[in-house]
Structure formats: structure tokens, C-alpha cells
Amino acid sequence: MSTLTLVFLLLYLLGVLAIGFAWRGRAGRSEESYFVADRSLNTFWGFLGLASLTTGGSTTIVLAALVATHGISGLWLDLAGALGLLALGLFLARRIRREAAVTLPEIVGRYYGGGARLAAAILVLVSEIVWFALLIEATQAVLTAAFGLSPVAAIVGSTAVFVLYTSLGGQFAVARTDLIQYGLMVLGIPGIALAFALARGSLSGLPSAAWSFPTSPTFGLADIAGMLVLVGLPHLVGSDVYSKILSCRDEATARRSALLASLSKVAFGGAVAVIALSARNALPPAPSSAETLPRAILTFVPPPLSSLVLVALVATMQTSADIVLLSATAVTARDIVPAILRRSVPIPLARLLPFAYGALGLAVALALNRDILETLKLGYSIFAAGLILPVLAALAGRRLTPRPGGAITAMVAGGVAAVLGRFRPEVFGGRDPVIVGTGINLLVLAMSILPRRAGTRLG
């Protein structure tokens, strides 16, 4: 079966690389061509991009691990993201597309100035690198299960492909590879894998706690609140999510794309949850919870279909990894380098940045050597606790817009607190670092907003 899986994998990799080569010319015309595909995505391509991006490793490998551990209440990882996309479609997608920016920090800079734009860009860059490390780890879990490769070999091999087609074709290639990747995802996970998990596995005999929802004995209200902040808010305000929104051709397209993507996320989450519960019932505990979904596929799905599903799982990781790399490249070329060196980054040079960040993300994945859920929490915590509230305050209108210095302080204080709490939980007494960091962010923003509102009333 490993040989057949390898054949399917090579065919898939050749397909996405061909797309990268095919779109390299058009992507190189300008920054808007490379980073936002000339704002040409219609509803079909916008939906595909957002749906595949927001599925990725979180709604597959990490969700399966969480459901296997906590039961159906672990679905809050997925539901929080779906609610964030729903809110994005209902309330913010039109507004964001109207900005006609290229990056999220660029939007931040319009409201708070150049210093805030640079601070936001650095936060985005750090978050994207950690998210990329998460996706590398998730891909490694799949490839190790499929081929028995060493973790390092699996990580290095998968990273090389993420980087190459993203570097070549920019957003045009990323959008077109989404069609292959999302098609494989739909066929492989809610299609083949779910069908065989239901046919060959069993949900009967699971302990009652596995069916407890919305809470369970091991997943309480505080955990739900943490997920809503940790995962939900970055789907409402996210650099890679906004990259797709800003690539849509108009405001209505952006809104429809986000709403459809929220439905897709729920469908994928439900399918993965059923597969994970079937695996929990039928298989002995895995050495790592990250192996839950690959082991379930190898157990329930017969060859050669299991080979196809494993390749679909690799495609699922790549469809998030490519836009994460492109987003990191965009904030560097558009927001960080011009602010520091006072010069723009030409597209040929920008095309080298995915290689640098791919290598850096690989180094982070190898250095962290953390549980995959902890890596997800680290990446989301930096972003959620650092950047989201200042962006929402700016978009809410002038009356709630804090002073630029207050916004910058809130970003730095919230992000640093979240990172500190992840690596040193005892600092905050074991409290969820993203909640603590977001609370600090909110306090600093409030202290900046209130004097401005008081001055407005006095004037």
C-alpha cells in the first residue's frame, strides 16, 4: 500500500507544481498580482480558498485528536472557527474588501499609523511561522503513518513542496491548487473515510461522557470560552483569511465566500468527529493523539482507497500551508521591509521569501517538538491576544478607536502575555494564556479609548 500511496502522492505533487509553473508569469506582474491575484476571485474561487484554508490541520488532525480525547465536546475547536467565519460574512467581509488593501497590517496602519502597522506585521509574521510549523507537524503525522518515514525526513520532504509552488505562482497558484486540494479533501474525508468509518467501525459502546455536549467532564465552559477566543476570533480577523477576502473581485463576493466557507467547516468537522469517535471505540490508544485520524484511515479504509485518502489528508495540510507562507511573505514585503529600510521589495526578491520562511517554520517545528494541539494554541494565542481587538476597535468606528500608542501597547502586551503563558503556565496560575492576554489587551485599549472619549465630550 505504501507504494500505491507514493504513486498517488507523486501525481498530486506534480499537479500542484505544474500549476505553480503555469501561473508564474501572471503572478509576477505586480504586487497585487502576486499577493491578491489582481482581486479577481469570483464566489467559486473565493469560497474554495477560504474553505480549504480554514479546514487545514485544525479541522482534521488536531480536531480528531481533541475529539478522541474529550468526546464530541471537542467539536468546539471546529465550531468556534465556523462561528468566526459566519460573523465575518455577516458583519465584516464587505468592510474589509472595501479597504482594497493587500495585507491586514496595511489596514491597521490606516487607522493607527506606521508604528502600529509595523507592530501588527511582526505579530502576523510570528504567528504565521508558528502556524506553518503546526502544518508541518500535522503533515509529518500523516506521512509517518503512511510510509513509516522518520519524522525529520517527512517534515523536510513535505516542506519543500509547500514552498516551491507558492513561490512560483503566488496567490494565482494558491487559488488554483485549492481546486485540486479541496476536491481531494471532499472525496477523501467526508466521502470515503466517513463512509468506511460508519460501515466498519462502531459508535455503540462509547462511554456517555463521549456524547456530552456542549460540555463534558474534561471540557468545560472555560475551555469553550478559550476556543471562542483562541480559534473563533482569528477566523473573524485573520491575516491569511483576509488575504482571501482581499483577493475577491467585490464586496458581495467576499461576503458570500465567507458564509459558504463557514458551512463547509461545519461539514468537515462533523465528518472528522465521527471518524475520531469510531477510532476511539475500535483502536487501542495511539502513542500520540495526532495519529488518531491517520490510524483510523489505515484501519477502516481498504487499499487502494486508503492511499487516496492519505494523499487527500496531505493536500488538506498544504492548502493551508501555502497561504500561510504567502501571508508571511506579503507582510514582510509590504509592511516590514519598507518600514525599516524605506524601500520596496521587488517581486523576484519576494519570491525568495517563501524559501526563507519555509526553512524557518521547519526549524521551529523541529525545535518546539511539542504536542500538535499545543503548537496550534501557541500560534493562535499570539495572534488572538495581540492583534484582534485593536483591529475590531478600529473597524467599529472613530468613537471606539484608541490612540495609536495605546493600540501598539495593547498589541505587544497581549501577544507577549500569551506567549509567556504558553511556555510558563505557572506565571498566570494555570489560567488560559489567550484569555489572560486578550484581557490585558482589552484593558490597555480601554485606558486609551476612555480619555479620548472624555476629551470629545468636553470639547
Foldseek 3Di string as FASTA:
>chain_A
DLVLLVVLLVVLLVVLLVLLQVQLVQLQPDPCCQQQVVLADFLVLLLLLLQLQLCACQLALVLLLQLLVQAPLSLLLLLLLLLLLLCLLVPPLQVLLVVLDRWPLVVLCVQQNQVSSQLLLVLLLVLLLLVLLLLLQLQLLLCCLSNVDDSLVRSVVLLVSLQNSCLRRHPSSLSVSSVVLVVLLVCQFLNQLLVLLPVPFDLPPDDPQNVDPNAGPVRDPLNSVVSNLLNNLCSNPPGLSSSSSNSHNHSNSSSSSSNSSSVSSVSSNVRNSSLSSRQSRPDDDDPASSNSRSVSLVPRGDPPSSSSNSSSSSSSSSSNSNSSLSSSLSCVQPRHCCSPVVDGDRSVRSSCSSVVSSVSSSVCSVVVVDRSVLSSSLSSLLPSLAQRVQVVQSVVDDLSHFHSVLNSVLNVQLNVQLNCCSVPVVVVPNRRSSVVSNVSSVVSSCVRNVVVNVVVVVD
